[in-house]
């Protein structure tokens, strides 16, 4: 099980660093990296520490976090309810 967890963690963490690296990556890869939940959470954390944040970007990034969180929360609730049987 721990091997699968490492793969999932790498898939979630690596896109966080892609936009900040000076690599010649295709625009599609950078766009996909910006939809990763940890990349969005990192941007929201930066907004919380900065004195000024663009409101429209804040709300769109918060929407992405909620769009990732709700299905994951429902999956956890479903799994826990099945394990209680």
C-alpha atoms as a PDB file:
ATOM      1  CA  UNK A   1       0.000   0.000   0.000  1.00  0.00           C
ATOM      2  CA  UNK A   2       2.802   2.450   0.768  1.00  0.00           C
ATOM      3  CA  UNK A   3       4.143   2.175  -2.777  1.00  0.00           C
ATOM      4  CA  UNK A   4       0.824   3.353  -4.182  1.00  0.00           C
ATOM      5  CA  UNK A   5       0.694   6.204  -1.722  1.00  0.00           C
ATOM      6  CA  UNK A   6       4.132   7.370  -2.886  1.00  0.00           C
ATOM      7  CA  UNK A   7       2.930   7.410  -6.494  1.00  0.00           C
ATOM      8  CA  UNK A   8      -0.150   9.429  -5.566  1.00  0.00           C
ATOM      9  CA  UNK A   9       1.916  11.893  -3.543  1.00  0.00           C
ATOM     10  CA  UNK A  10       4.366  12.375  -6.412  1.00  0.00           C
ATOM     11  CA  UNK A  11       1.536  12.962  -8.866  1.00  0.00           C
ATOM     12  CA  UNK A  12       0.134  15.632  -6.556  1.00  0.00           C
ATOM     13  CA  UNK A  13       3.405  17.297  -5.528  1.00  0.00           C
ATOM     14  CA  UNK A  14       5.376  17.458  -8.784  1.00  0.00           C
ATOM     15  CA  UNK A  15       2.902  19.800 -10.560  1.00  0.00           C
ATOM     16  CA  UNK A  16       3.322  22.264  -7.699  1.00  0.00           C
ATOM     17  CA  UNK A  17       6.896  22.944  -8.776  1.00  0.00           C
ATOM     18  CA  UNK A  18       6.380  22.946 -12.555  1.00  0.00           C
ATOM     19  CA  UNK A  19       5.163  26.558 -12.970  1.00  0.00           C
ATOM     20  CA  UNK A  20       8.086  27.915 -10.935  1.00  0.00           C
ATOM     21  CA  UNK A  21      10.780  25.968 -12.782  1.00  0.00           C
ATOM     22  CA  UNK A  22      12.418  27.534 -15.808  1.00  0.00           C
ATOM     23  CA  UNK A  23      11.721  24.603 -18.111  1.00  0.00           C
ATOM     24  CA  UNK A  24      10.534  24.809 -21.700  1.00  0.00           C
ATOM     25  CA  UNK A  25       7.387  22.800 -21.070  1.00  0.00           C
ATOM     26  CA  UNK A  26       4.391  22.873 -23.387  1.00  0.00           C
ATOM     27  CA  UNK A  27       1.577  25.203 -22.408  1.00  0.00           C
ATOM     28  CA  UNK A  28      -0.751  22.225 -21.959  1.00  0.00           C
ATOM     29  CA  UNK A  29       1.480  20.804 -19.214  1.00  0.00           C
ATOM     30  CA  UNK A  30       1.627  24.121 -17.374  1.00  0.00           C
ATOM     31  CA  UNK A  31      -2.142  24.572 -17.658  1.00  0.00           C
ATOM     32  CA  UNK A  32      -2.707  21.067 -16.280  1.00  0.00           C
ATOM     33  CA  UNK A  33      -0.266  21.793 -13.457  1.00  0.00           C
ATOM     34  CA  UNK A  34      -2.272  24.889 -12.529  1.00  0.00           C
ATOM     35  CA  UNK A  35      -5.353  22.695 -12.000  1.00  0.00           C
ATOM     36  CA  UNK A  36      -3.549  20.443  -9.530  1.00  0.00           C
ATOM     37  CA  UNK A  37      -5.025  20.849  -6.038  1.00  0.00           C
ATOM     38  CA  UNK A  38      -1.682  21.406  -4.309  1.00  0.00           C
ATOM     39  CA  UNK A  39      -0.612  24.015  -6.860  1.00  0.00           C
ATOM     40  CA  UNK A  40      -3.825  25.904  -6.231  1.00  0.00           C
ATOM     41  CA  UNK A  41      -3.450  25.580  -2.453  1.00  0.00           C
ATOM     42  CA  UNK A  42       0.112  26.898  -2.700  1.00  0.00           C
ATOM     43  CA  UNK A  43      -1.156  29.912  -4.658  1.00  0.00           C
ATOM     44  CA  UNK A  44      -3.890  30.522  -2.079  1.00  0.00           C
ATOM     45  CA  UNK A  45      -1.283  30.353   0.676  1.00  0.00           C
ATOM     46  CA  UNK A  46       0.823  32.933  -1.192  1.00  0.00           C
ATOM     47  CA  UNK A  47      -2.255  35.163  -1.498  1.00  0.00           C
ATOM     48  CA  UNK A  48      -2.835  34.934   2.243  1.00  0.00           C
ATOM     49  CA  UNK A  49       0.700  36.135   2.930  1.00  0.00           C
ATOM     50  CA  UNK A  50       0.734  38.914   0.358  1.00  0.00           C
ATOM     51  CA  UNK A  51      -0.719  42.302   1.011  1.00  0.00           C
ATOM     52  CA  UNK A  52      -2.668  42.356  -2.211  1.00  0.00           C
ATOM     53  CA  UNK A  53      -4.347  39.533  -4.067  1.00  0.00           C
ATOM     54  CA  UNK A  54      -6.394  39.651  -7.234  1.00  0.00           C
ATOM     55  CA  UNK A  55      -9.937  38.862  -6.146  1.00  0.00           C
ATOM     56  CA  UNK A  56     -10.997  37.085  -9.322  1.00  0.00           C
ATOM     57  CA  UNK A  57      -7.974  34.781  -9.194  1.00  0.00           C
ATOM     58  CA  UNK A  58      -8.606  34.080  -5.515  1.00  0.00           C
ATOM     59  CA  UNK A  59     -12.221  33.011  -6.091  1.00  0.00           C
ATOM     60  CA  UNK A  60     -11.360  30.898  -9.140  1.00  0.00           C
ATOM     61  CA  UNK A  61      -8.607  29.099  -7.233  1.00  0.00           C
ATOM     62  CA  UNK A  62     -10.900  28.586  -4.258  1.00  0.00           C
ATOM     63  CA  UNK A  63     -13.439  27.077  -6.652  1.00  0.00           C
ATOM     64  CA  UNK A  64     -10.814  24.628  -7.918  1.00  0.00           C
ATOM     65  CA  UNK A  65     -10.007  23.587  -4.350  1.00  0.00           C
ATOM     66  CA  UNK A  66     -13.692  23.032  -3.609  1.00  0.00           C
ATOM     67  CA  UNK A  67     -14.154  21.132  -6.878  1.00  0.00           C
ATOM     68  CA  UNK A  68     -11.377  18.742  -5.789  1.00  0.00           C
ATOM     69  CA  UNK A  69     -12.415  18.578  -2.132  1.00  0.00           C
ATOM     70  CA  UNK A  70     -16.082  17.717  -2.472  1.00  0.00           C
ATOM     71  CA  UNK A  71     -15.678  14.505  -4.529  1.00  0.00           C
ATOM     72  CA  UNK A  72     -12.767  13.366  -2.368  1.00  0.00           C
ATOM     73  CA  UNK A  73     -14.796  13.983   0.779  1.00  0.00           C
ATOM     74  CA  UNK A  74     -17.740  12.030  -0.638  1.00  0.00           C
ATOM     75  CA  UNK A  75     -15.453   9.114  -1.525  1.00  0.00           C
ATOM     76  CA  UNK A  76     -14.066   9.044   2.019  1.00  0.00           C
ATOM     77  CA  UNK A  77     -17.572   9.149   3.510  1.00  0.00           C
ATOM     78  CA  UNK A  78     -18.662   6.321   1.210  1.00  0.00           C
ATOM     79  CA  UNK A  79     -15.613   4.187   2.083  1.00  0.00           C
ATOM     80  CA  UNK A  80     -16.035   4.747   5.819  1.00  0.00           C
ATOM     81  CA  UNK A  81     -19.725   3.935   5.694  1.00  0.00           C
ATOM     82  CA  UNK A  82     -18.952   0.702   3.843  1.00  0.00           C
ATOM     83  CA  UNK A  83     -16.278  -0.273   6.360  1.00  0.00           C
ATOM     84  CA  UNK A  84     -18.711   0.123   9.268  1.00  0.00           C
ATOM     85  CA  UNK A  85     -20.934  -2.678   7.954  1.00  0.00           C
END
